[in-house]
Protein backbone atom coordinates (compact mmCIF):
# COMPACT_ATOMS: atom_id res chain seq x y z
CA MET A 1 8.95 -16.74 15.70
CA ALA A 2 6.10 -14.29 15.37
CA THR A 3 3.09 -15.04 13.23
CA ILE A 4 3.47 -13.62 9.74
CA ASP A 5 0.50 -12.26 7.82
CA PHE A 6 1.06 -13.92 4.44
CA PRO A 7 -0.65 -12.56 1.33
CA ASP A 8 -3.24 -14.83 -0.27
CA HIS A 9 -1.17 -15.41 -3.42
CA LEU A 10 1.75 -16.73 -1.38
CA ILE A 11 -0.50 -19.12 0.56
CA ALA A 12 -2.02 -20.32 -2.74
CA LEU A 13 1.42 -20.97 -4.25
CA GLU A 14 2.55 -22.97 -1.22
CA ARG A 15 -0.72 -24.95 -1.20
CA SER A 16 -0.15 -25.85 -4.85
CA ALA A 17 3.41 -26.92 -4.13
CA TRP A 18 2.34 -28.96 -1.09
CA ALA A 19 -0.35 -30.73 -3.13
CA GLU A 20 2.22 -31.56 -5.82
CA ILE A 21 4.67 -32.82 -3.18
CA GLN A 22 2.01 -35.09 -1.68
CA ARG A 23 1.28 -36.53 -5.13
CA GLY A 24 5.00 -36.93 -5.86
CA GLU A 25 4.67 -34.52 -8.78
CA LEU A 26 6.43 -31.31 -7.67
CA THR A 27 7.68 -29.48 -10.74
CA VAL A 28 10.68 -27.20 -11.01
CA GLU A 29 8.34 -24.44 -12.16
CA THR A 30 6.17 -24.68 -9.06
CA ALA A 31 9.16 -24.88 -6.72
CA ARG A 32 10.76 -21.88 -8.44
CA ALA A 33 7.54 -19.84 -8.27
CA VAL A 34 7.24 -20.45 -4.53
CA HIS A 35 10.90 -19.68 -3.93
CA GLU A 36 10.81 -16.45 -5.91
CA ALA A 37 7.62 -15.32 -4.16
CA VAL A 38 9.13 -16.11 -0.75
CA VAL A 39 12.30 -14.16 -1.57
CA ALA A 40 10.27 -11.18 -2.81
CA PHE A 41 7.97 -11.18 0.23
CA ALA A 42 10.93 -11.44 2.60
CA ALA A 43 12.65 -8.50 0.91
CA GLU A 44 9.47 -6.37 0.93
CA SER A 45 8.67 -7.14 4.56
CA GLY A 46 12.22 -6.93 5.90
CA LEU A 47 12.04 -10.47 7.26
CA ALA A 48 14.63 -13.20 6.86
CA ARG A 49 13.90 -15.47 3.93
CA LEU A 50 14.27 -18.56 6.11
CA ASP A 51 11.73 -17.23 8.62
CA VAL A 52 9.28 -16.52 5.81
CA GLU A 53 9.79 -19.94 4.23
CA MET A 54 9.44 -21.85 7.50
CA GLY A 55 6.41 -19.81 8.58
CA LEU A 56 4.72 -20.33 5.23
CA LYS A 57 5.26 -24.08 5.31
CA LYS A 58 3.90 -24.24 8.85
CA ALA A 59 0.86 -22.11 7.93
CA VAL A 60 0.00 -24.39 4.99
CA ARG A 61 1.06 -27.81 6.27
CA HIS A 62 0.17 -27.46 9.94
CA PRO A 63 -2.50 -24.75 10.23
CA ASP A 64 -3.63 -23.62 13.65
CA PRO A 65 -7.09 -25.23 14.15
CA GLU A 66 -8.26 -22.26 16.22
CA LEU A 67 -7.54 -19.85 13.37
CA ALA A 68 -9.27 -22.08 10.81
CA ALA A 69 -12.54 -22.15 12.74
């Protein structure tokens, strides 16, 4: 899978969801906001929704240390 250039707002939404998941407090509203943003980004970019979702989770949960430096 190629690296996807995610917009800042999508990264921020996934970071919020991941923080809620880690605290055991994920809300339906947060999950829905991430899902809807992923679907919209996938449609706009012509990418498969699953590829966008998996890439976003990887970017937030397992960032490349070389890119973060």
